[in-house]
Each structure stands twice: as C-alpha cells, then as structure tokens.
C-alpha cells in the first residue's frame, strides 16, 4: 500500500508488518482519516497546527 502524506504529498515509509512511520489524524466533525508523514509531524508540533495545514 503506497500511502502519501496529505500535507506534502511524499510517500510515507512503512515499518514491519505494514505499520506507517507517521501518524493518522481525524478532524473532529469528520470520519475521514488524514495520513501525516514523520517529517511533517516533526515540523508541525501540535494537532491544531496539523489540522490548519489540511
């Protein structure tokens, strides 16, 4: 599965057993999942900053 970051568009690296090296964020009023790569997660420290970029 080639998952891409919803902020920068880069491919997210996978660890063993298909786990993503990054995070998954959901907006409070939505059930859609947004995938965030490890690099973007380091730049944007809080969940609020991440949600603003989406």
Protein backbone atom coordinates (compact mmCIF):
# COMPACT_ATOMS: atom_id res chain seq x y z
CA UNK A 1 0.00 0.00 0.00
CA UNK A 2 1.59 3.27 -1.11
CA UNK A 3 0.19 5.85 1.28
CA UNK A 4 1.03 9.51 0.70
CA UNK A 5 1.17 12.37 3.16
CA UNK A 6 -1.88 14.65 2.94
CA UNK A 7 0.27 17.74 3.61
CA UNK A 8 3.41 17.38 1.47
CA UNK A 9 2.43 14.50 -0.85
CA UNK A 10 5.53 12.39 -0.16
CA UNK A 11 5.26 8.62 0.21
CA UNK A 12 5.08 7.55 3.86
CA UNK A 13 7.65 4.96 4.92
CA UNK A 14 6.34 1.65 6.26
CA UNK A 15 7.74 -0.29 9.18
CA UNK A 16 7.44 -4.02 9.78
CA UNK A 17 4.00 -5.57 9.33
CA UNK A 18 2.80 -2.63 7.23
CA UNK A 19 2.67 -0.03 10.01
CA UNK A 20 3.20 3.55 8.87
CA UNK A 21 6.07 5.72 10.10
CA UNK A 22 3.92 8.75 10.83
CA UNK A 23 0.51 9.44 12.26
CA UNK A 24 -3.17 9.36 11.36
CA UNK A 25 -5.33 12.39 12.21
CA UNK A 26 -9.11 12.83 12.04
CA UNK A 27 -10.95 16.13 12.00
CA UNK A 28 -13.43 16.42 14.89
CA UNK A 29 -16.52 16.66 12.66
CA UNK A 30 -15.42 14.08 10.07
CA UNK A 31 -14.70 10.37 9.96
CA UNK A 32 -12.12 10.70 7.16
CA UNK A 33 -8.54 9.82 8.12
CA UNK A 34 -5.60 12.01 7.11
CA UNK A 35 -2.12 10.50 6.94
CA UNK A 36 0.83 12.63 8.03
CA UNK A 37 4.47 11.69 7.36
CA UNK A 38 7.13 11.74 10.06
CA UNK A 39 8.87 14.84 8.61
CA UNK A 40 5.67 16.93 8.60
CA UNK A 41 4.88 15.68 12.08
CA UNK A 42 8.27 16.98 13.30
CA UNK A 43 7.65 20.42 11.70
CA UNK A 44 4.08 20.79 13.00
CA UNK A 45 4.20 20.04 16.72
CA UNK A 46 0.53 20.21 17.74
CA UNK A 47 -2.65 18.67 16.34
CA UNK A 48 -4.11 22.15 15.81
CA UNK A 49 -1.18 23.14 13.53
CA UNK A 50 -1.61 19.92 11.54
CA UNK A 51 -5.35 20.49 11.11
CA UNK A 52 -4.73 24.06 9.86
CA UNK A 53 -2.43 22.71 7.10
CA UNK A 54 -5.07 20.21 5.93
